[in-house]
């Protein structure tokens, strides 16, 4: 019985930590458009929906065709319910795909 309770407490702790690390619903990013993609940079326009009170930091990442990360940056985003921002990410080669895997409270 005690072992079962310990397992449940440990599982809840791990679940909470993973939720805070990967599942922050406070800041939801979405790429709206891409205006330029060259051999050394890519420019995107994206929005972050939030609670309106807290600024965020979003990770913007570019990958090559083989999946390797060729550019990455932490981009500060102002507080707001819906903030639209344009950002130019420097890359080591032409990007195949750009994504925003995560935004977190600043």
PDB file of N, CA and C in Angstrom:
ATOM      1  N   UNK A   1       0.826  -1.196   0.000  1.00  0.00           N
ATOM      2  CA  UNK A   1       0.000   0.000   0.000  1.00  0.00           C
ATOM      3  C   UNK A   1       0.871   1.262   0.000  1.00  0.00           C
ATOM      4  N   UNK A   2       1.886   1.278   0.860  1.00  0.00           N
ATOM      5  CA  UNK A   2       2.788   2.428   0.941  1.00  0.00           C
ATOM      6  C   UNK A   2       3.556   2.598  -0.369  1.00  0.00           C
ATOM      7  N   UNK A   3       3.980   1.475  -0.941  1.00  0.00           N
ATOM      8  CA  UNK A   3       4.712   1.531  -2.206  1.00  0.00           C
ATOM      9  C   UNK A   3       3.839   2.122  -3.316  1.00  0.00           C
ATOM     10  N   UNK A   4       2.573   1.737  -3.360  1.00  0.00           N
ATOM     11  CA  UNK A   4       1.649   2.283  -4.351  1.00  0.00           C
ATOM     12  C   UNK A   4       1.475   3.784  -4.206  1.00  0.00           C
ATOM     13  N   UNK A   5       1.391   4.255  -2.964  1.00  0.00           N
ATOM     14  CA  UNK A   5       1.250   5.692  -2.716  1.00  0.00           C
ATOM     15  C   UNK A   5       2.503   6.442  -3.154  1.00  0.00           C
ATOM     16  N   UNK A   6       3.677   5.866  -2.883  1.00  0.00           N
ATOM     17  CA  UNK A   6       4.935   6.503  -3.295  1.00  0.00           C
ATOM     18  C   UNK A   6       5.038   6.579  -4.821  1.00  0.00           C
ATOM     19  N   UNK A   7       4.619   5.515  -5.491  1.00  0.00           N
ATOM     20  CA  UNK A   7       4.643   5.509  -6.956  1.00  0.00           C
ATOM     21  C   UNK A   7       3.703   6.579  -7.508  1.00  0.00           C
ATOM     22  N   UNK A   8       2.538   6.725  -6.919  1.00  0.00           N
ATOM     23  CA  UNK A   8       1.584   7.743  -7.379  1.00  0.00           C
ATOM     24  C   UNK A   8       2.129   9.154  -7.170  1.00  0.00           C
ATOM     25  N   UNK A   9       2.748   9.407  -6.027  1.00  0.00           N
ATOM     26  CA  UNK A   9       3.320  10.730  -5.753  1.00  0.00           C
ATOM     27  C   UNK A   9       4.457  11.020  -6.728  1.00  0.00           C
ATOM     28  N   UNK A  10       5.325  10.034  -6.961  1.00  0.00           N
ATOM     29  CA  UNK A  10       6.433  10.225  -7.898  1.00  0.00           C
ATOM     30  C   UNK A  10       5.908  10.475  -9.312  1.00  0.00           C
ATOM     31  N   UNK A  11       4.894   9.736  -9.730  1.00  0.00           N
ATOM     32  CA  UNK A  11       4.310   9.920 -11.064  1.00  0.00           C
ATOM     33  C   UNK A  11       3.699  11.308 -11.217  1.00  0.00           C
ATOM     34  N   UNK A  12       3.021  11.767 -10.183  1.00  0.00           N
ATOM     35  CA  UNK A  12       2.426  13.108 -10.229  1.00  0.00           C
ATOM     36  C   UNK A  12       3.511  14.170 -10.334  1.00  0.00           C
ATOM     37  N   UNK A  13       4.598  14.005  -9.596  1.00  0.00           N
ATOM     38  CA  UNK A  13       5.706  14.961  -9.655  1.00  0.00           C
ATOM     39  C   UNK A  13       6.350  15.009 -11.022  1.00  0.00           C
ATOM     40  N   UNK A  14       6.577  13.849 -11.609  1.00  0.00           N
ATOM     41  CA  UNK A  14       7.170  13.786 -12.946  1.00  0.00           C
ATOM     42  C   UNK A  14       6.218  14.393 -13.975  1.00  0.00           C
ATOM     43  N   UNK A  15       4.940  14.075 -13.861  1.00  0.00           N
ATOM     44  CA  UNK A  15       3.951  14.638 -14.782  1.00  0.00           C
ATOM     45  C   UNK A  15       3.889  16.152 -14.705  1.00  0.00           C
ATOM     46  N   UNK A  16       3.931  16.687 -13.490  1.00  0.00           N
ATOM     47  CA  UNK A  16       3.901  18.142 -13.308  1.00  0.00           C
ATOM     48  C   UNK A  16       5.128  18.784 -13.941  1.00  0.00           C
ATOM     49  N   UNK A  17       6.286  18.187 -13.709  1.00  0.00           N
ATOM     50  CA  UNK A  17       7.522  18.752 -14.258  1.00  0.00           C
ATOM     51  C   UNK A  17       7.490  18.742 -15.795  1.00  0.00           C
ATOM     52  N   UNK A  18       7.046  17.637 -16.393  1.00  0.00           N
ATOM     53  CA  UNK A  18       6.963  17.567 -17.850  1.00  0.00           C
ATOM     54  C   UNK A  18       5.950  18.567 -18.398  1.00  0.00           C
ATOM     55  N   UNK A  19       4.845  18.744 -17.709  1.00  0.00           N
ATOM     56  CA  UNK A  19       3.838  19.715 -18.131  1.00  0.00           C
ATOM     57  C   UNK A  19       4.422  21.126 -18.123  1.00  0.00           C
ATOM     58  N   UNK A  20       5.125  21.484 -17.059  1.00  0.00           N
ATOM     59  CA  UNK A  20       5.722  22.821 -16.976  1.00  0.00           C
ATOM     60  C   UNK A  20       6.798  23.006 -18.040  1.00  0.00           C
ATOM     61  N   UNK A  21       7.516  21.926 -18.361  1.00  0.00           N
ATOM     62  CA  UNK A  21       8.605  22.024 -19.320  1.00  0.00           C
ATOM     63  C   UNK A  21       8.101  22.070 -20.761  1.00  0.00           C
ATOM     64  N   UNK A  22       7.074  21.272 -21.085  1.00  0.00           N
ATOM     65  CA  UNK A  22       6.662  21.139 -22.477  1.00  0.00           C
ATOM     66  C   UNK A  22       5.240  21.599 -22.780  1.00  0.00           C
ATOM     67  N   UNK A  23       4.423  21.811 -21.798  1.00  0.00           N
ATOM     68  CA  UNK A  23       3.017  22.067 -22.072  1.00  0.00           C
ATOM     69  C   UNK A  23       2.495  23.368 -21.527  1.00  0.00           C
ATOM     70  N   UNK A  24       3.210  24.454 -21.704  1.00  0.00           N
ATOM     71  CA  UNK A  24       2.792  25.748 -21.181  1.00  0.00           C
ATOM     72  C   UNK A  24       1.673  26.324 -22.045  1.00  0.00           C
ATOM     73  N   UNK A  25       0.422  26.211 -21.614  1.00  0.00           N
ATOM     74  CA  UNK A  25      -0.671  26.757 -22.413  1.00  0.00           C
ATOM     75  C   UNK A  25      -0.774  28.273 -22.287  1.00  0.00           C
ATOM     76  N   UNK A  26       0.045  28.857 -21.405  1.00  0.00           N
ATOM     77  CA  UNK A  26       0.030  30.297 -21.175  1.00  0.00           C
ATOM     78  C   UNK A  26       0.437  31.073 -22.425  1.00  0.00           C
ATOM     79  N   UNK A  27       1.326  30.512 -23.239  1.00  0.00           N
ATOM     80  CA  UNK A  27       1.826  31.181 -24.436  1.00  0.00           C
ATOM     81  C   UNK A  27       1.792  30.194 -25.599  1.00  0.00           C
ATOM     82  N   UNK A  28       0.865  30.410 -26.533  1.00  0.00           N
ATOM     83  CA  UNK A  28       0.694  29.504 -27.669  1.00  0.00           C
ATOM     84  C   UNK A  28       1.191  30.171 -28.948  1.00  0.00           C
ATOM     85  N   UNK A  29       2.326  29.698 -29.519  1.00  0.00           N
ATOM     86  CA  UNK A  29       2.864  30.307 -30.735  1.00  0.00           C
ATOM     87  C   UNK A  29       2.290  29.688 -32.008  1.00  0.00           C
ATOM     88  N   UNK A  30       2.288  30.487 -33.084  1.00  0.00           N
ATOM     89  CA  UNK A  30       1.856  29.992 -34.396  1.00  0.00           C
ATOM     90  C   UNK A  30       2.530  30.833 -35.470  1.00  0.00           C
ATOM     91  N   UNK A  31       3.168  30.180 -36.428  1.00  0.00           N
ATOM     92  CA  UNK A  31       3.787  30.889 -37.549  1.00  0.00           C
ATOM     93  C   UNK A  31       2.687  31.289 -38.524  1.00  0.00           C
ATOM     94  N   UNK A  32       2.646  32.579 -38.857  1.00  0.00           N
ATOM     95  CA  UNK A  32       1.630  33.106 -39.769  1.00  0.00           C
ATOM     96  C   UNK A  32       2.110  33.114 -41.215  1.00  0.00           C
ATOM     97  N   UNK A  33       3.380  33.502 -41.416  1.00  0.00           N
ATOM     98  CA  UNK A  33       3.896  33.571 -42.783  1.00  0.00           C
ATOM     99  C   UNK A  33       5.413  33.594 -42.768  1.00  0.00           C
ATOM    100  N   UNK A  34       5.941  33.383 -43.956  1.00  0.00           N
ATOM    101  CA  UNK A  34       7.383  33.464 -44.161  1.00  0.00           C
ATOM    102  C   UNK A  34       7.595  34.400 -45.343  1.00  0.00           C
ATOM    103  N   UNK A  35       8.413  35.436 -45.149  1.00  0.00           N
ATOM    104  CA  UNK A  35       8.563  36.417 -46.221  1.00  0.00           C
ATOM    105  C   UNK A  35       9.876  36.290 -46.970  1.00  0.00           C
ATOM    106  N   UNK A  36      10.849  35.624 -46.387  1.00  0.00           N
ATOM    107  CA  UNK A  36      12.146  35.534 -47.047  1.00  0.00           C
ATOM    108  C   UNK A  36      12.901  34.317 -46.542  1.00  0.00           C
ATOM    109  N   UNK A  37      13.495  33.575 -47.473  1.00  0.00           N
ATOM    110  CA  UNK A  37      14.335  32.430 -47.107  1.00  0.00           C
ATOM    111  C   UNK A  37      15.547  32.457 -48.031  1.00  0.00           C
ATOM    112  N   UNK A  38      16.730  32.661 -47.461  1.00  0.00           N
ATOM    113  CA  UNK A  38      17.954  32.722 -48.256  1.00  0.00           C
ATOM    114  C   UNK A  38      18.957  31.716 -47.694  1.00  0.00           C
ATOM    115  N   UNK A  39      20.173  31.764 -48.216  1.00  0.00           N
ATOM    116  CA  UNK A  39      21.223  30.849 -47.767  1.00  0.00           C
ATOM    117  C   UNK A  39      21.707  31.157 -46.357  1.00  0.00           C
ATOM    118  N   UNK A  40      21.427  32.377 -45.859  1.00  0.00           N
ATOM    119  CA  UNK A  40      21.955  32.710 -44.527  1.00  0.00           C
ATOM    120  C   UNK A  40      20.914  33.248 -43.541  1.00  0.00           C
ATOM    121  N   UNK A  41      19.646  33.301 -43.926  1.00  0.00           N
ATOM    122  CA  UNK A  41      18.615  33.728 -42.975  1.00  0.00           C
ATOM    123  C   UNK A  41      17.217  33.380 -43.481  1.00  0.00           C
ATOM    124  N   UNK A  42      16.275  33.444 -42.555  1.00  0.00           N
ATOM    125  CA  UNK A  42      14.865  33.256 -42.883  1.00  0.00           C
ATOM    126  C   UNK A  42      14.073  34.254 -42.045  1.00  0.00           C
ATOM    127  N   UNK A  43      13.077  34.893 -42.655  1.00  0.00           N
ATOM    128  CA  UNK A  43      12.249  35.870 -41.947  1.00  0.00           C
ATOM    129  C   UNK A  43      10.834  35.319 -41.829  1.00  0.00           C
ATOM    130  N   UNK A  44      10.336  35.302 -40.594  1.00  0.00           N
ATOM    131  CA  UNK A  44       8.986  34.794 -40.351  1.00  0.00           C
ATOM    132  C   UNK A  44       8.160  35.837 -39.609  1.00  0.00           C
ATOM    133  N   UNK A  45       6.859  35.714 -39.761  1.00  0.00           N
ATOM    134  CA  UNK A  45       5.894  36.505 -38.988  1.00  0.00           C
ATOM    135  C   UNK A  45       5.106  35.500 -38.169  1.00  0.00           C
ATOM    136  N   UNK A  46       5.048  35.718 -36.857  1.00  0.00           N
ATOM    137  CA  UNK A  46       4.353  34.763 -36.001  1.00  0.00           C
ATOM    138  C   UNK A  46       3.541  35.478 -34.942  1.00  0.00           C
ATOM    139  N   UNK A  47       2.595  34.741 -34.366  1.00  0.00           N
ATOM    140  CA  UNK A  47       1.779  35.288 -33.290  1.00  0.00           C
ATOM    141  C   UNK A  47       1.949  34.421 -32.056  1.00  0.00           C
ATOM    142  N   UNK A  48       1.786  35.070 -30.915  1.00  0.00           N
ATOM    143  CA  UNK A  48       1.771  34.364 -29.640  1.00  0.00           C
ATOM    144  C   UNK A  48       0.511  34.804 -28.919  1.00  0.00           C
ATOM    145  N   UNK A  49      -0.325  33.837 -28.595  1.00  0.00           N
ATOM    146  CA  UNK A  49      -1.532  34.122 -27.813  1.00  0.00           C
ATOM    147  C   UNK A  49      -1.221  33.815 -26.361  1.00  0.00           C
ATOM    148  N   UNK A  50      -1.572  34.761 -25.499  1.00  0.00           N
ATOM    149  CA  UNK A  50      -1.283  34.587 -24.084  1.00  0.00           C
ATOM    150  C   UNK A  50      -2.384  35.133 -23.210  1.00  0.00           C
ATOM    151  N   UNK A  51      -2.091  35.201 -21.929  1.00  0.00           N
ATOM    152  CA  UNK A  51      -3.074  35.684 -20.959  1.00  0.00           C
ATOM    153  C   UNK A  51      -3.168  37.204 -20.942  1.00  0.00           C
ATOM    154  N   UNK A  52      -2.251  37.869 -21.642  1.00  0.00           N
ATOM    155  CA  UNK A  52      -2.279  39.320 -21.711  1.00  0.00           C
ATOM    156  C   UNK A  52      -1.460  40.012 -20.644  1.00  0.00           C
ATOM    157  N   UNK A  53      -1.028  39.279 -19.633  1.00  0.00           N
ATOM    158  CA  UNK A  53      -0.315  39.904 -18.515  1.00  0.00           C
ATOM    159  C   UNK A  53       1.189  39.699 -18.560  1.00  0.00           C
ATOM    160  N   UNK A  54       1.636  38.560 -19.079  1.00  0.00           N
ATOM    161  CA  UNK A  54       3.050  38.209 -18.977  1.00  0.00           C
ATOM    162  C   UNK A  54       3.736  38.172 -20.336  1.00  0.00           C
ATOM    163  N   UNK A  55       4.936  38.761 -20.446  1.00  0.00           N
ATOM    164  CA  UNK A  55       5.715  38.616 -21.673  1.00  0.00           C
ATOM    165  C   UNK A  55       6.237  37.181 -21.782  1.00  0.00           C
ATOM    166  N   UNK A  56       6.728  36.843 -22.957  1.00  0.00           N
ATOM    167  CA  UNK A  56       7.209  35.482 -23.197  1.00  0.00           C
ATOM    168  C   UNK A  56       8.565  35.509 -23.881  1.00  0.00           C
ATOM    169  N   UNK A  57       9.199  34.364 -23.890  1.00  0.00           N
ATOM    170  CA  UNK A  57      10.399  34.128 -24.684  1.00  0.00           C
ATOM    171  C   UNK A  57      10.104  32.895 -25.520  1.00  0.00           C
ATOM    172  N   UNK A  58      10.215  33.042 -26.846  1.00  0.00           N
ATOM    173  CA  UNK A  58       9.925  31.932 -27.751  1.00  0.00           C
ATOM    174  C   UNK A  58      11.212  31.448 -28.410  1.00  0.00           C
ATOM    175  N   UNK A  59      11.326  30.155 -28.555  1.00  0.00           N
ATOM    176  CA  UNK A  59      12.454  29.563 -29.266  1.00  0.00           C
ATOM    177  C   UNK A  59      12.047  29.433 -30.727  1.00  0.00           C
ATOM    178  N   UNK A  60      12.777  30.124 -31.598  1.00  0.00           N
ATOM    179  CA  UNK A  60      12.565  30.030 -33.043  1.00  0.00           C
ATOM    180  C   UNK A  60      13.714  29.180 -33.581  1.00  0.00           C
ATOM    181  N   UNK A  61      13.379  28.175 -34.392  1.00  0.00           N
ATOM    182  CA  UNK A  61      14.389  27.209 -34.814  1.00  0.00           C
ATOM    183  C   UNK A  61      14.237  26.912 -36.300  1.00  0.00           C
ATOM    184  N   UNK A  62      15.371  26.802 -36.993  1.00  0.00           N
ATOM    185  CA  UNK A  62      15.387  26.416 -38.407  1.00  0.00           C
ATOM    186  C   UNK A  62      16.149  25.106 -38.539  1.00  0.00           C
ATOM    187  N   UNK A  63      15.641  24.254 -39.423  1.00  0.00           N
ATOM    188  CA  UNK A  63      16.282  22.957 -39.654  1.00  0.00           C
ATOM    189  C   UNK A  63      16.603  22.790 -41.137  1.00  0.00           C
ATOM    190  N   UNK A  64      17.674  22.042 -41.390  1.00  0.00           N
ATOM    191  CA  UNK A  64      18.050  21.688 -42.756  1.00  0.00           C
ATOM    192  C   UNK A  64      17.208  20.494 -43.205  1.00  0.00           C
ATOM    193  N   UNK A  65      17.364  20.109 -44.446  1.00  0.00           N
ATOM    194  CA  UNK A  65      16.603  18.982 -44.995  1.00  0.00           C
ATOM    195  C   UNK A  65      16.864  17.688 -44.226  1.00  0.00           C
ATOM    196  N   UNK A  66      18.090  17.527 -43.717  1.00  0.00           N
ATOM    197  CA  UNK A  66      18.431  16.309 -42.973  1.00  0.00           C
ATOM    198  C   UNK A  66      17.986  16.357 -41.511  1.00  0.00           C
ATOM    199  N   UNK A  67      17.345  17.461 -41.094  1.00  0.00           N
ATOM    200  CA  UNK A  67      16.820  17.575 -39.735  1.00  0.00           C
ATOM    201  C   UNK A  67      17.729  18.274 -38.747  1.00  0.00           C
ATOM    202  N   UNK A  68      18.962  18.558 -39.138  1.00  0.00           N
ATOM    203  CA  UNK A  68      19.879  19.238 -38.227  1.00  0.00           C
ATOM    204  C   UNK A  68      19.458  20.690 -38.018  1.00  0.00           C
ATOM    205  N   UNK A  69      19.631  21.172 -36.794  1.00  0.00           N
ATOM    206  CA  UNK A  69      19.322  22.567 -36.480  1.00  0.00           C
ATOM    207  C   UNK A  69      20.418  23.439 -37.070  1.00  0.00           C
ATOM    208  N   UNK A  70      20.028  24.405 -37.903  1.00  0.00           N
ATOM    209  CA  UNK A  70      20.996  25.285 -38.558  1.00  0.00           C
ATOM    210  C   UNK A  70      20.867  26.730 -38.096  1.00  0.00           C
ATOM    211  N   UNK A  71      19.918  26.974 -37.208  1.00  0.00           N
ATOM    212  CA  UNK A  71      19.744  28.302 -36.627  1.00  0.00           C
ATOM    213  C   UNK A  71      18.730  28.234 -35.511  1.00  0.00           C
ATOM    214  N   UNK A  72      18.993  28.973 -34.444  1.00  0.00           N
ATOM    215  CA  UNK A  72      18.086  28.961 -33.297  1.00  0.00           C
ATOM    216  C   UNK A  72      18.262  30.261 -32.526  1.00  0.00           C
ATOM    217  N   UNK A  73      17.170  30.754 -31.963  1.00  0.00           N
ATOM    218  CA  UNK A  73      17.239  31.985 -31.172  1.00  0.00           C
ATOM    219  C   UNK A  73      16.107  32.015 -30.160  1.00  0.00           C
ATOM    220  N   UNK A  74      16.367  32.669 -29.038  1.00  0.00           N
ATOM    221  CA  UNK A  74      15.330  32.957 -28.052  1.00  0.00           C
ATOM    222  C   UNK A  74      14.841  34.373 -28.328  1.00  0.00           C
ATOM    223  N   UNK A  75      13.574  34.491 -28.676  1.00  0.00           N
ATOM    224  CA  UNK A  75      13.008  35.768 -29.107  1.00  0.00           C
ATOM    225  C   UNK A  75      12.058  36.296 -28.036  1.00  0.00           C
ATOM    226  N   UNK A  76      12.332  37.487 -27.483  1.00  0.00           N
ATOM    227  CA  UNK A  76      11.407  38.066 -26.504  1.00  0.00           C
ATOM    228  C   UNK A  76      10.129  38.552 -27.179  1.00  0.00           C
ATOM    229  N   UNK A  77       9.000  38.310 -26.513  1.00  0.00           N
ATOM    230  CA  UNK A  77       7.692  38.710 -27.030  1.00  0.00           C
ATOM    231  C   UNK A  77       6.983  39.503 -25.939  1.00  0.00           C
ATOM    232  N   UNK A  78       6.430  40.650 -26.299  1.00  0.00           N
ATOM    233  CA  UNK A  78       5.746  41.514 -25.331  1.00  0.00           C
ATOM    234  C   UNK A  78       4.486  40.837 -24.788  1.00  0.00           C
ATOM    235  N   UNK A  79       4.032  41.316 -23.659  1.00  0.00           N
ATOM    236  CA  UNK A  79       2.783  40.816 -23.074  1.00  0.00           C
ATOM    237  C   UNK A  79       1.609  41.246 -23.941  1.00  0.00           C
ATOM    238  N   UNK A  80       0.599  40.418 -23.993  1.00  0.00           N
ATOM    239  CA  UNK A  80      -0.598  40.734 -24.755  1.00  0.00           C
ATOM    240  C   UNK A  80      -1.414  39.487 -24.998  1.00  0.00           C
ATOM    241  N   UNK A  81      -2.691  39.675 -25.287  1.00  0.00           N
ATOM    242  CA  UNK A  81      -3.555  38.518 -25.577  1.00  0.00           C
ATOM    243  C   UNK A  81      -3.198  37.902 -26.928  1.00  0.00           C
ATOM    244  N   UNK A  82      -2.820  38.749 -27.902  1.00  0.00           N
ATOM    245  CA  UNK A  82      -2.374  38.280 -29.216  1.00  0.00           C
ATOM    246  C   UNK A  82      -1.307  39.246 -29.710  1.00  0.00           C
ATOM    247  N   UNK A  83      -0.071  38.791 -29.719  1.00  0.00           N
ATOM    248  CA  UNK A  83       1.050  39.617 -30.149  1.00  0.00           C
ATOM    249  C   UNK A  83       1.581  39.047 -31.462  1.00  0.00           C
ATOM    250  N   UNK A  84       1.668  39.893 -32.491  1.00  0.00           N
ATOM    251  CA  UNK A  84       2.215  39.489 -33.787  1.00  0.00           C
ATOM    252  C   UNK A  84       3.592  40.119 -33.916  1.00  0.00           C
ATOM    253  N   UNK A  85       4.545  39.312 -34.348  1.00  0.00           N
ATOM    254  CA  UNK A  85       5.925  39.777 -34.409  1.00  0.00           C
ATOM    255  C   UNK A  85       6.600  39.234 -35.662  1.00  0.00           C
ATOM    256  N   UNK A  86       7.518  40.016 -36.222  1.00  0.00           N
ATOM    257  CA  UNK A  86       8.342  39.579 -37.346  1.00  0.00           C
ATOM    258  C   UNK A  86       9.760  39.403 -36.831  1.00  0.00           C
ATOM    259  N   UNK A  87      10.396  38.306 -37.246  1.00  0.00           N
ATOM    260  CA  UNK A  87      11.751  38.026 -36.763  1.00  0.00           C
ATOM    261  C   UNK A  87      12.577  37.420 -37.892  1.00  0.00           C
ATOM    262  N   UNK A  88      13.821  37.877 -38.015  1.00  0.00           N
ATOM    263  CA  UNK A  88      14.762  37.317 -38.981  1.00  0.00           C
ATOM    264  C   UNK A  88      15.774  36.464 -38.229  1.00  0.00           C
ATOM    265  N   UNK A  89      15.797  35.187 -38.552  1.00  0.00           N
ATOM    266  CA  UNK A  89      16.690  34.225 -37.913  1.00  0.00           C
ATOM    267  C   UNK A  89      17.882  33.963 -38.821  1.00  0.00           C
ATOM    268  N   UNK A  90      19.072  34.134 -38.288  1.00  0.00           N
ATOM    269  CA  UNK A  90      20.295  33.848 -39.031  1.00  0.00           C
ATOM    270  C   UNK A  90      20.498  32.334 -39.059  1.00  0.00           C
ATOM    271  N   UNK A  91      20.847  31.803 -40.252  1.00  0.00           N
ATOM    272  CA  UNK A  91      21.056  30.363 -40.412  1.00  0.00           C
ATOM    273  C   UNK A  91      22.418  30.087 -41.044  1.00  0.00           C
ATOM    274  N   UNK A  92      22.905  28.856 -40.866  1.00  0.00           N
ATOM    275  CA  UNK A  92      24.193  28.458 -41.447  1.00  0.00           C
ATOM    276  C   UNK A  92      24.064  28.040 -42.913  1.00  0.00           C
ATOM    277  N   UNK A  93      22.837  27.712 -43.316  1.00  0.00           N
ATOM    278  CA  UNK A  93      22.542  27.348 -44.707  1.00  0.00           C
ATOM    279  C   UNK A  93      21.062  27.598 -44.942  1.00  0.00           C
ATOM    280  N   UNK A  94      20.595  27.329 -46.139  1.00  0.00           N
ATOM    281  CA  UNK A  94      19.180  27.560 -46.455  1.00  0.00           C
ATOM    282  C   UNK A  94      18.296  26.644 -45.608  1.00  0.00           C
ATOM    283  N   UNK A  95      17.313  27.214 -44.943  1.00  0.00           N
ATOM    284  CA  UNK A  95      16.417  26.453 -44.070  1.00  0.00           C
ATOM    285  C   UNK A  95      15.418  25.651 -44.892  1.00  0.00           C
ATOM    286  N   UNK A  96      15.165  24.427 -44.455  1.00  0.00           N
ATOM    287  CA  UNK A  96      14.136  23.592 -45.064  1.00  0.00           C
ATOM    288  C   UNK A  96      12.809  23.795 -44.345  1.00  0.00           C
ATOM    289  N   UNK A  97      12.868  23.929 -43.023  1.00  0.00           N
ATOM    290  CA  UNK A  97      11.667  24.136 -42.211  1.00  0.00           C
ATOM    291  C   UNK A  97      12.013  25.042 -41.029  1.00  0.00           C
ATOM    292  N   UNK A  98      11.040  25.852 -40.637  1.00  0.00           N
ATOM    293  CA  UNK A  98      11.181  26.732 -39.473  1.00  0.00           C
ATOM    294  C   UNK A  98      10.032  26.417 -38.530  1.00  0.00           C
ATOM    295  N   UNK A  99      10.338  26.344 -37.236  1.00  0.00           N
ATOM    296  CA  UNK A  99       9.275  26.107 -36.270  1.00  0.00           C
ATOM    297  C   UNK A  99       9.536  26.871 -34.978  1.00  0.00           C
ATOM    298  N   UNK A 100       8.510  26.922 -34.159  1.00  0.00           N
ATOM    299  CA  UNK A 100       8.603  27.520 -32.823  1.00  0.00           C
ATOM    300  C   UNK A 100       8.157  26.424 -31.859  1.00  0.00           C
ATOM    301  N   UNK A 101       9.114  25.634 -31.373  1.00  0.00           N
ATOM    302  CA  UNK A 101       8.732  24.499 -30.541  1.00  0.00           C
ATOM    303  C   UNK A 101       8.180  24.870 -29.178  1.00  0.00           C
ATOM    304  N   UNK A 102       8.530  26.073 -28.693  1.00  0.00           N
ATOM    305  CA  UNK A 102       8.118  26.390 -27.327  1.00  0.00           C
ATOM    306  C   UNK A 102       8.194  27.886 -27.058  1.00  0.00           C
ATOM    307  N   UNK A 103       7.239  28.365 -26.288  1.00  0.00           N
ATOM    308  CA  UNK A 103       7.300  29.696 -25.689  1.00  0.00           C
ATOM    309  C   UNK A 103       7.116  29.504 -24.188  1.00  0.00           C
ATOM    310  N   UNK A 104       7.816  30.304 -23.421  1.00  0.00           N
ATOM    311  CA  UNK A 104       7.724  30.206 -21.962  1.00  0.00           C
ATOM    312  C   UNK A 104       7.624  31.605 -21.382  1.00  0.00           C
ATOM    313  N   UNK A 105       7.160  31.713 -20.148  1.00  0.00           N
ATOM    314  CA  UNK A 105       7.111  33.031 -19.512  1.00  0.00           C
ATOM    315  C   UNK A 105       8.506  33.641 -19.431  1.00  0.00           C
ATOM    316  N   UNK A 106       8.603  34.938 -19.652  1.00  0.00           N
ATOM    317  CA  UNK A 106       9.901  35.625 -19.595  1.00  0.00           C
ATOM    318  C   UNK A 106      10.346  35.810 -18.161  1.00  0.00           C
TER     319      UNK A 106
END
